[in-house]
Amino acid sequence: MKHFTYYTQSTCSVAIDFDVDDEGRLHNVQFMGGCDGNLQGIGRLVEGMDAAAVVERLQGIRCGFKSTSCPDQLCRAIKENNLV
């Protein structure tokens, strides 16, 4: 299992920690900062999901007037680390 930390941009959360297993599934997704309850929920919902499926579902979500969101930042972290 590989561990990643991604420092977010333009969101209330400041970083995302997550692990990816050898089959490309996400585990232990944790957001630092932001809306704690909602972000815990996202972490639990994506637990064990294929990274590509997470990107397919969450990429492009916006938060209010911002051009991104915490779920979108998770997708960017996945893509920047060449996990899809």
PDB file of N, CA and C in Angstrom:
ATOM      1  N   MET A   1       0.853  -1.181   0.000  1.00  0.00           N
ATOM      2  CA  MET A   1       0.000   0.000   0.000  1.00  0.00           C
ATOM      3  C   MET A   1       0.893   1.236   0.000  1.00  0.00           C
ATOM      4  N   LYS A   2       0.531   2.209  -0.828  1.00  0.00           N
ATOM      5  CA  LYS A   2       1.285   3.455  -0.907  1.00  0.00           C
ATOM      6  C   LYS A   2       0.494   4.571  -0.243  1.00  0.00           C
ATOM      7  N   HIS A   3       1.220   5.451   0.452  1.00  0.00           N
ATOM      8  CA  HIS A   3       0.606   6.575   1.155  1.00  0.00           C
ATOM      9  C   HIS A   3       0.880   7.866   0.383  1.00  0.00           C
ATOM     10  N   PHE A   4      -0.131   8.738   0.351  1.00  0.00           N
ATOM     11  CA  PHE A   4      -0.011  10.014  -0.337  1.00  0.00           C
ATOM     12  C   PHE A   4      -0.538  11.136   0.552  1.00  0.00           C
ATOM     13  N   THR A   5       0.067  12.302   0.442  1.00  0.00           N
ATOM     14  CA  THR A   5      -0.439  13.527   1.055  1.00  0.00           C
ATOM     15  C   THR A   5      -0.523  14.557  -0.051  1.00  0.00           C
ATOM     16  N   TYR A   6      -1.682  15.194  -0.155  1.00  0.00           N
ATOM     17  CA  TYR A   6      -1.907  16.211  -1.178  1.00  0.00           C
ATOM     18  C   TYR A   6      -2.318  17.490  -0.474  1.00  0.00           C
ATOM     19  N   TYR A   7      -1.639  18.586  -0.786  1.00  0.00           N
ATOM     20  CA  TYR A   7      -1.959  19.876  -0.207  1.00  0.00           C
ATOM     21  C   TYR A   7      -2.952  20.588  -1.121  1.00  0.00           C
ATOM     22  N   THR A   8      -4.134  20.824  -0.594  1.00  0.00           N
ATOM     23  CA  THR A   8      -5.246  21.347  -1.387  1.00  0.00           C
ATOM     24  C   THR A   8      -5.067  22.828  -1.682  1.00  0.00           C
ATOM     25  N   GLN A   9      -5.822  23.283  -2.689  1.00  0.00           N
ATOM     26  CA  GLN A   9      -5.811  24.689  -3.085  1.00  0.00           C
ATOM     27  C   GLN A   9      -7.244  25.178  -3.194  1.00  0.00           C
ATOM     28  N   SER A  10      -7.497  26.346  -2.652  1.00  0.00           N
ATOM     29  CA  SER A  10      -8.797  27.034  -2.767  1.00  0.00           C
ATOM     30  C   SER A  10      -9.945  26.306  -2.079  1.00  0.00           C
ATOM     31  N   THR A  11      -9.644  25.564  -1.015  1.00  0.00           N
ATOM     32  CA  THR A  11     -10.688  24.909  -0.228  1.00  0.00           C
ATOM     33  C   THR A  11     -10.449  25.167   1.249  1.00  0.00           C
ATOM     34  N   CYS A  12     -11.448  24.862   2.059  1.00  0.00           N
ATOM     35  CA  CYS A  12     -11.310  25.016   3.510  1.00  0.00           C
ATOM     36  C   CYS A  12     -10.346  23.986   4.087  1.00  0.00           C
ATOM     37  N   SER A  13     -10.333  22.785   3.523  1.00  0.00           N
ATOM     38  CA  SER A  13      -9.358  21.791   3.967  1.00  0.00           C
ATOM     39  C   SER A  13      -7.990  22.204   3.434  1.00  0.00           C
ATOM     40  N   VAL A  14      -6.948  21.810   4.145  1.00  0.00           N
ATOM     41  CA  VAL A  14      -5.596  22.205   3.739  1.00  0.00           C
ATOM     42  C   VAL A  14      -4.787  21.049   3.156  1.00  0.00           C
ATOM     43  N   ALA A  15      -5.217  19.812   3.446  1.00  0.00           N
ATOM     44  CA  ALA A  15      -4.486  18.650   2.939  1.00  0.00           C
ATOM     45  C   ALA A  15      -5.389  17.423   2.967  1.00  0.00           C
ATOM     46  N   ILE A  16      -5.002  16.438   2.163  1.00  0.00           N
ATOM     47  CA  ILE A  16      -5.697  15.152   2.137  1.00  0.00           C
ATOM     48  C   ILE A  16      -4.638  14.065   2.239  1.00  0.00           C
ATOM     49  N   ASP A  17      -4.814  13.160   3.204  1.00  0.00           N
ATOM     50  CA  ASP A  17      -3.975  11.970   3.331  1.00  0.00           C
ATOM     51  C   ASP A  17      -4.786  10.780   2.857  1.00  0.00           C
ATOM     52  N   PHE A  18      -4.165   9.894   2.097  1.00  0.00           N
ATOM     53  CA  PHE A  18      -4.861   8.695   1.660  1.00  0.00           C
ATOM     54  C   PHE A  18      -3.863   7.623   1.255  1.00  0.00           C
ATOM     55  N   ASP A  19      -4.340   6.397   1.266  1.00  0.00           N
ATOM     56  CA  ASP A  19      -3.555   5.244   0.847  1.00  0.00           C
ATOM     57  C   ASP A  19      -4.203   4.636  -0.384  1.00  0.00           C
ATOM     58  N   VAL A  20      -3.376   3.995  -1.212  1.00  0.00           N
ATOM     59  CA  VAL A  20      -3.867   3.285  -2.385  1.00  0.00           C
ATOM     60  C   VAL A  20      -3.230   1.901  -2.381  1.00  0.00           C
ATOM     61  N   ASP A  21      -4.070   0.865  -2.496  1.00  0.00           N
ATOM     62  CA  ASP A  21      -3.531  -0.491  -2.512  1.00  0.00           C
ATOM     63  C   ASP A  21      -3.046  -0.868  -3.910  1.00  0.00           C
ATOM     64  N   ASP A  22      -2.498  -2.058  -4.041  1.00  0.00           N
ATOM     65  CA  ASP A  22      -1.919  -2.511  -5.311  1.00  0.00           C
ATOM     66  C   ASP A  22      -2.949  -2.653  -6.427  1.00  0.00           C
ATOM     67  N   GLU A  23      -4.218  -2.705  -6.073  1.00  0.00           N
ATOM     68  CA  GLU A  23      -5.275  -2.824  -7.078  1.00  0.00           C
ATOM     69  C   GLU A  23      -5.906  -1.471  -7.423  1.00  0.00           C
ATOM     70  N   GLY A  24      -5.339  -0.376  -6.874  1.00  0.00           N
ATOM     71  CA  GLY A  24      -5.820   0.968  -7.201  1.00  0.00           C
ATOM     72  C   GLY A  24      -7.026   1.422  -6.408  1.00  0.00           C
ATOM     73  N   ARG A  25      -7.256   0.810  -5.244  1.00  0.00           N
ATOM     74  CA  ARG A  25      -8.394   1.197  -4.408  1.00  0.00           C
ATOM     75  C   ARG A  25      -7.935   2.124  -3.287  1.00  0.00           C
ATOM     76  N   LEU A  26      -8.787   3.109  -2.966  1.00  0.00           N
ATOM     77  CA  LEU A  26      -8.484   4.084  -1.918  1.00  0.00           C
ATOM     78  C   LEU A  26      -8.795   3.548  -0.532  1.00  0.00           C
ATOM     79  N   HIS A  27      -7.965   3.954   0.416  1.00  0.00           N
ATOM     80  CA  HIS A  27      -8.170   3.589   1.821  1.00  0.00           C
ATOM     81  C   HIS A  27      -7.714   4.746   2.708  1.00  0.00           C
ATOM     82  N   ASN A  28      -8.306   4.832   3.874  1.00  0.00           N
ATOM     83  CA  ASN A  28      -7.892   5.783   4.915  1.00  0.00           C
ATOM     84  C   ASN A  28      -7.861   7.232   4.430  1.00  0.00           C
ATOM     85  N   VAL A  29      -8.861   7.654   3.673  1.00  0.00           N
ATOM     86  CA  VAL A  29      -8.906   9.029   3.171  1.00  0.00           C
ATOM     87  C   VAL A  29      -9.268   9.957   4.330  1.00  0.00           C
ATOM     88  N   GLN A  30      -8.392  10.912   4.595  1.00  0.00           N
ATOM     89  CA  GLN A  30      -8.617  11.865   5.680  1.00  0.00           C
ATOM     90  C   GLN A  30      -8.294  13.269   5.187  1.00  0.00           C
ATOM     91  N   PHE A  31      -9.236  14.173   5.399  1.00  0.00           N
ATOM     92  CA  PHE A  31      -9.055  15.582   5.058  1.00  0.00           C
ATOM     93  C   PHE A  31      -8.637  16.326   6.317  1.00  0.00           C
ATOM     94  N   MET A  32      -7.685  17.246   6.208  1.00  0.00           N
ATOM     95  CA  MET A  32      -7.272  18.085   7.325  1.00  0.00           C
ATOM     96  C   MET A  32      -7.937  19.443   7.167  1.00  0.00           C
ATOM     97  N   GLY A  33      -8.713  19.819   8.167  1.00  0.00           N
ATOM     98  CA  GLY A  33      -9.446  21.071   8.106  1.00  0.00           C
ATOM     99  C   GLY A  33     -10.737  20.889   7.329  1.00  0.00           C
ATOM    100  N   GLY A  34     -11.480  21.953   7.173  1.00  0.00           N
ATOM    101  CA  GLY A  34     -12.724  21.886   6.417  1.00  0.00           C
ATOM    102  C   GLY A  34     -13.905  21.447   7.263  1.00  0.00           C
ATOM    103  N   CYS A  35     -14.971  21.063   6.612  1.00  0.00           N
ATOM    104  CA  CYS A  35     -16.228  20.654   7.259  1.00  0.00           C
ATOM    105  C   CYS A  35     -16.099  19.210   7.733  1.00  0.00           C
ATOM    106  N   ASP A  36     -15.748  19.033   8.961  1.00  0.00           N
ATOM    107  CA  ASP A  36     -15.349  17.737   9.501  1.00  0.00           C
ATOM    108  C   ASP A  36     -16.350  16.618   9.212  1.00  0.00           C
ATOM    109  N   GLY A  37     -17.610  16.825   9.496  1.00  0.00           N
ATOM    110  CA  GLY A  37     -18.603  15.766   9.306  1.00  0.00           C
ATOM    111  C   GLY A  37     -18.751  15.368   7.845  1.00  0.00           C
ATOM    112  N   ASN A  38     -18.861  16.362   6.977  1.00  0.00           N
ATOM    113  CA  ASN A  38     -18.995  16.069   5.546  1.00  0.00           C
ATOM    114  C   ASN A  38     -17.768  15.360   5.007  1.00  0.00           C
ATOM    115  N   LEU A  39     -16.591  15.795   5.428  1.00  0.00           N
ATOM    116  CA  LEU A  39     -15.366  15.207   4.899  1.00  0.00           C
ATOM    117  C   LEU A  39     -15.115  13.810   5.454  1.00  0.00           C
ATOM    118  N   GLN A  40     -15.537  13.557   6.675  1.00  0.00           N
ATOM    119  CA  GLN A  40     -15.486  12.181   7.185  1.00  0.00           C
ATOM    120  C   GLN A  40     -16.404  11.298   6.346  1.00  0.00           C
ATOM    121  N   GLY A  41     -17.561  11.833   5.997  1.00  0.00           N
ATOM    122  CA  GLY A  41     -18.509  11.095   5.172  1.00  0.00           C
ATOM    123  C   GLY A  41     -17.922  10.748   3.816  1.00  0.00           C
ATOM    124  N   ILE A  42     -17.261  11.701   3.179  1.00  0.00           N
ATOM    125  CA  ILE A  42     -16.630  11.426   1.890  1.00  0.00           C
ATOM    126  C   ILE A  42     -15.585  10.333   2.044  1.00  0.00           C
ATOM    127  N   GLY A  43     -14.770  10.440   3.077  1.00  0.00           N
ATOM    128  CA  GLY A  43     -13.747   9.428   3.329  1.00  0.00           C
ATOM    129  C   GLY A  43     -14.338   8.033   3.468  1.00  0.00           C
ATOM    130  N   ARG A  44     -15.428   7.927   4.186  1.00  0.00           N
ATOM    131  CA  ARG A  44     -16.070   6.617   4.369  1.00  0.00           C
ATOM    132  C   ARG A  44     -16.726   6.123   3.082  1.00  0.00           C
ATOM    133  N   LEU A  45     -17.317   7.026   2.327  1.00  0.00           N
ATOM    134  CA  LEU A  45     -17.982   6.634   1.085  1.00  0.00           C
ATOM    135  C   LEU A  45     -16.993   6.120   0.041  1.00  0.00           C
ATOM    136  N   VAL A  46     -15.796   6.696  -0.007  1.00  0.00           N
ATOM    137  CA  VAL A  46     -14.830   6.261  -1.019  1.00  0.00           C
ATOM    138  C   VAL A  46     -13.930   5.131  -0.538  1.00  0.00           C
ATOM    139  N   GLU A  47     -14.048   4.741   0.716  1.00  0.00           N
ATOM    140  CA  GLU A  47     -13.219   3.650   1.264  1.00  0.00           C
ATOM    141  C   GLU A  47     -13.375   2.394   0.416  1.00  0.00           C
ATOM    142  N   GLY A  48     -12.257   1.892  -0.095  1.00  0.00           N
ATOM    143  CA  GLY A  48     -12.250   0.671  -0.882  1.00  0.00           C
ATOM    144  C   GLY A  48     -12.648   0.843  -2.337  1.00  0.00           C
ATOM    145  N   MET A  49     -12.991   2.077  -2.738  1.00  0.00           N
ATOM    146  CA  MET A  49     -13.385   2.318  -4.126  1.00  0.00           C
ATOM    147  C   MET A  49     -12.168   2.407  -5.034  1.00  0.00           C
ATOM    148  N   ASP A  50     -12.358   2.009  -6.272  1.00  0.00           N
ATOM    149  CA  ASP A  50     -11.337   2.166  -7.291  1.00  0.00           C
ATOM    150  C   ASP A  50     -11.099   3.658  -7.519  1.00  0.00           C
ATOM    151  N   ALA A  51      -9.835   4.062  -7.607  1.00  0.00           N
ATOM    152  CA  ALA A  51      -9.496   5.475  -7.771  1.00  0.00           C
ATOM    153  C   ALA A  51     -10.154   6.079  -9.010  1.00  0.00           C
ATOM    154  N   ALA A  52     -10.208   5.324 -10.096  1.00  0.00           N
ATOM    155  CA  ALA A  52     -10.830   5.835 -11.327  1.00  0.00           C
ATOM    156  C   ALA A  52     -12.318   6.098 -11.122  1.00  0.00           C
ATOM    157  N   ALA A  53     -12.984   5.244 -10.360  1.00  0.00           N
ATOM    158  CA  ALA A  53     -14.410   5.426 -10.093  1.00  0.00           C
ATOM    159  C   ALA A  53     -14.644   6.671  -9.237  1.00  0.00           C
ATOM    160  N   VAL A  54     -13.742   6.932  -8.305  1.00  0.00           N
ATOM    161  CA  VAL A  54     -13.856   8.128  -7.473  1.00  0.00           C
ATOM    162  C   VAL A  54     -13.745   9.376  -8.354  1.00  0.00           C
ATOM    163  N   VAL A  55     -12.781   9.387  -9.251  1.00  0.00           N
ATOM    164  CA  VAL A  55     -12.611  10.535 -10.153  1.00  0.00           C
ATOM    165  C   VAL A  55     -13.848  10.701 -11.022  1.00  0.00           C
ATOM    166  N   GLU A  56     -14.358   9.614 -11.540  1.00  0.00           N
ATOM    167  CA  GLU A  56     -15.544   9.678 -12.400  1.00  0.00           C
ATOM    168  C   GLU A  56     -16.735  10.302 -11.686  1.00  0.00           C
ATOM    169  N   ARG A  57     -16.911   9.989 -10.414  1.00  0.00           N
ATOM    170  CA  ARG A  57     -18.065  10.483  -9.657  1.00  0.00           C
ATOM    171  C   ARG A  57     -17.880  11.881  -9.079  1.00  0.00           C
ATOM    172  N   LEU A  58     -16.664  12.231  -8.670  1.00  0.00           N
ATOM    173  CA  LEU A  58     -16.476  13.450  -7.881  1.00  0.00           C
ATOM    174  C   LEU A  58     -15.777  14.593  -8.600  1.00  0.00           C
ATOM    175  N   GLN A  59     -15.134  14.326  -9.716  1.00  0.00           N
ATOM    176  CA  GLN A  59     -14.400  15.364 -10.421  1.00  0.00           C
ATOM    177  C   GLN A  59     -15.339  16.474 -10.889  1.00  0.00           C
ATOM    178  N   GLY A  60     -14.905  17.714 -10.676  1.00  0.00           N
ATOM    179  CA  GLY A  60     -15.654  18.863 -11.157  1.00  0.00           C
ATOM    180  C   GLY A  60     -16.685  19.420 -10.193  1.00  0.00           C
ATOM    181  N   ILE A  61     -16.865  18.784  -9.038  1.00  0.00           N
ATOM    182  CA  ILE A  61     -17.803  19.329  -8.044  1.00  0.00           C
ATOM    183  C   ILE A  61     -17.255  20.667  -7.554  1.00  0.00           C
ATOM    184  N   ARG A  62     -18.133  21.649  -7.474  1.00  0.00           N
ATOM    185  CA  ARG A  62     -17.746  22.977  -7.009  1.00  0.00           C
ATOM    186  C   ARG A  62     -18.358  23.245  -5.642  1.00  0.00           C
ATOM    187  N   CYS A  63     -17.705  24.098  -4.873  1.00  0.00           N
ATOM    188  CA  CYS A  63     -18.197  24.495  -3.555  1.00  0.00           C
ATOM    189  C   CYS A  63     -18.552  25.978  -3.622  1.00  0.00           C
ATOM    190  N   GLY A  64     -19.851  26.253  -3.674  1.00  0.00           N
ATOM    191  CA  GLY A  64     -20.295  27.641  -3.738  1.00  0.00           C
ATOM    192  C   GLY A  64     -19.719  28.352  -4.943  1.00  0.00           C
ATOM    193  N   PHE A  65     -19.079  29.493  -4.702  1.00  0.00           N
ATOM    194  CA  PHE A  65     -18.516  30.306  -5.772  1.00  0.00           C
ATOM    195  C   PHE A  65     -17.122  29.845  -6.205  1.00  0.00           C
ATOM    196  N   LYS A  66     -16.561  28.869  -5.501  1.00  0.00           N
ATOM    197  CA  LYS A  66     -15.207  28.403  -5.806  1.00  0.00           C
ATOM    198  C   LYS A  66     -15.208  27.518  -7.053  1.00  0.00           C
ATOM    199  N   SER A  67     -14.084  27.450  -7.723  1.00  0.00           N
ATOM    200  CA  SER A  67     -13.972  26.636  -8.934  1.00  0.00           C
ATOM    201  C   SER A  67     -13.646  25.179  -8.623  1.00  0.00           C
ATOM    202  N   THR A  68     -13.536  24.839  -7.341  1.00  0.00           N
ATOM    203  CA  THR A  68     -13.194  23.488  -6.909  1.00  0.00           C
ATOM    204  C   THR A  68     -13.910  23.185  -5.600  1.00  0.00           C
ATOM    205  N   SER A  69     -13.653  22.021  -5.038  1.00  0.00           N
ATOM    206  CA  SER A  69     -14.236  21.604  -3.760  1.00  0.00           C
ATOM    207  C   SER A  69     -13.310  20.565  -3.154  1.00  0.00           C
ATOM    208  N   CYS A  70     -13.596  20.155  -1.942  1.00  0.00           N
ATOM    209  CA  CYS A  70     -12.778  19.104  -1.323  1.00  0.00           C
ATOM    210  C   CYS A  70     -12.861  17.793  -2.111  1.00  0.00           C
ATOM    211  N   PRO A  71     -14.053  17.347  -2.561  1.00  0.00           N
ATOM    212  CA  PRO A  71     -14.085  16.138  -3.380  1.00  0.00           C
ATOM    213  C   PRO A  71     -13.312  16.299  -4.693  1.00  0.00           C
ATOM    214  N   ASP A  72     -13.407  17.464  -5.313  1.00  0.00           N
ATOM    215  CA  ASP A  72     -12.668  17.717  -6.544  1.00  0.00           C
ATOM    216  C   ASP A  72     -11.166  17.706  -6.283  1.00  0.00           C
ATOM    217  N   GLN A  73     -10.749  18.228  -5.143  1.00  0.00           N
ATOM    218  CA  GLN A  73      -9.329  18.209  -4.797  1.00  0.00           C
ATOM    219  C   GLN A  73      -8.828  16.772  -4.604  1.00  0.00           C
ATOM    220  N   LEU A  74      -9.663  15.899  -4.064  1.00  0.00           N
ATOM    221  CA  LEU A  74      -9.284  14.485  -3.960  1.00  0.00           C
ATOM    222  C   LEU A  74      -9.032  13.920  -5.351  1.00  0.00           C
ATOM    223  N   CYS A  75      -9.871  14.258  -6.301  1.00  0.00           N
ATOM    224  CA  CYS A  75      -9.690  13.804  -7.688  1.00  0.00           C
ATOM    225  C   CYS A  75      -8.392  14.336  -8.267  1.00  0.00           C
ATOM    226  N   ARG A  76      -8.098  15.581  -7.987  1.00  0.00           N
ATOM    227  CA  ARG A  76      -6.845  16.161  -8.480  1.00  0.00           C
ATOM    228  C   ARG A  76      -5.648  15.449  -7.868  1.00  0.00           C
ATOM    229  N   ALA A  77      -5.755  15.088  -6.586  1.00  0.00           N
ATOM    230  CA  ALA A  77      -4.670  14.349  -5.926  1.00  0.00           C
ATOM    231  C   ALA A  77      -4.472  12.996  -6.593  1.00  0.00           C
ATOM    232  N   ILE A  78      -5.541  12.318  -6.899  1.00  0.00           N
ATOM    233  CA  ILE A  78      -5.474  11.011  -7.566  1.00  0.00           C
ATOM    234  C   ILE A  78      -4.813  11.152  -8.930  1.00  0.00           C
ATOM    235  N   LYS A  79      -5.245  12.145  -9.695  1.00  0.00           N
ATOM    236  CA  LYS A  79      -4.716  12.336 -11.045  1.00  0.00           C
ATOM    237  C   LYS A  79      -3.259  12.790 -11.037  1.00  0.00           C
ATOM    238  N   GLU A  80      -2.911  13.698 -10.136  1.00  0.00           N
ATOM    239  CA  GLU A  80      -1.528  14.192 -10.080  1.00  0.00           C
ATOM    240  C   GLU A  80      -0.539  13.107  -9.695  1.00  0.00           C
ATOM    241  N   ASN A  81      -1.017  12.118  -8.971  1.00  0.00           N
ATOM    242  CA  ASN A  81      -0.154  11.004  -8.579  1.00  0.00           C
ATOM    243  C   ASN A  81      -0.245   9.834  -9.554  1.00  0.00           C
ATOM    244  N   ASN A  82      -0.841  10.101 -10.724  1.00  0.00           N
ATOM    245  CA  ASN A  82      -0.938   9.091 -11.804  1.00  0.00           C
ATOM    246  C   ASN A  82      -1.578   7.793 -11.337  1.00  0.00           C
ATOM    247  N   LEU A  83      -2.647   7.910 -10.564  1.00  0.00           N
ATOM    248  CA  LEU A  83      -3.337   6.722 -10.046  1.00  0.00           C
ATOM    249  C   LEU A  83      -4.501   6.307 -10.935  1.00  0.00           C
ATOM    250  N   VAL A  84      -4.769   7.075 -11.982  1.00  0.00           N
ATOM    251  CA  VAL A  84      -5.779   6.719 -12.998  1.00  0.00           C
ATOM    252  C   VAL A  84      -5.195   6.937 -14.378  1.00  0.00           C
TER     253      VAL A  84
END
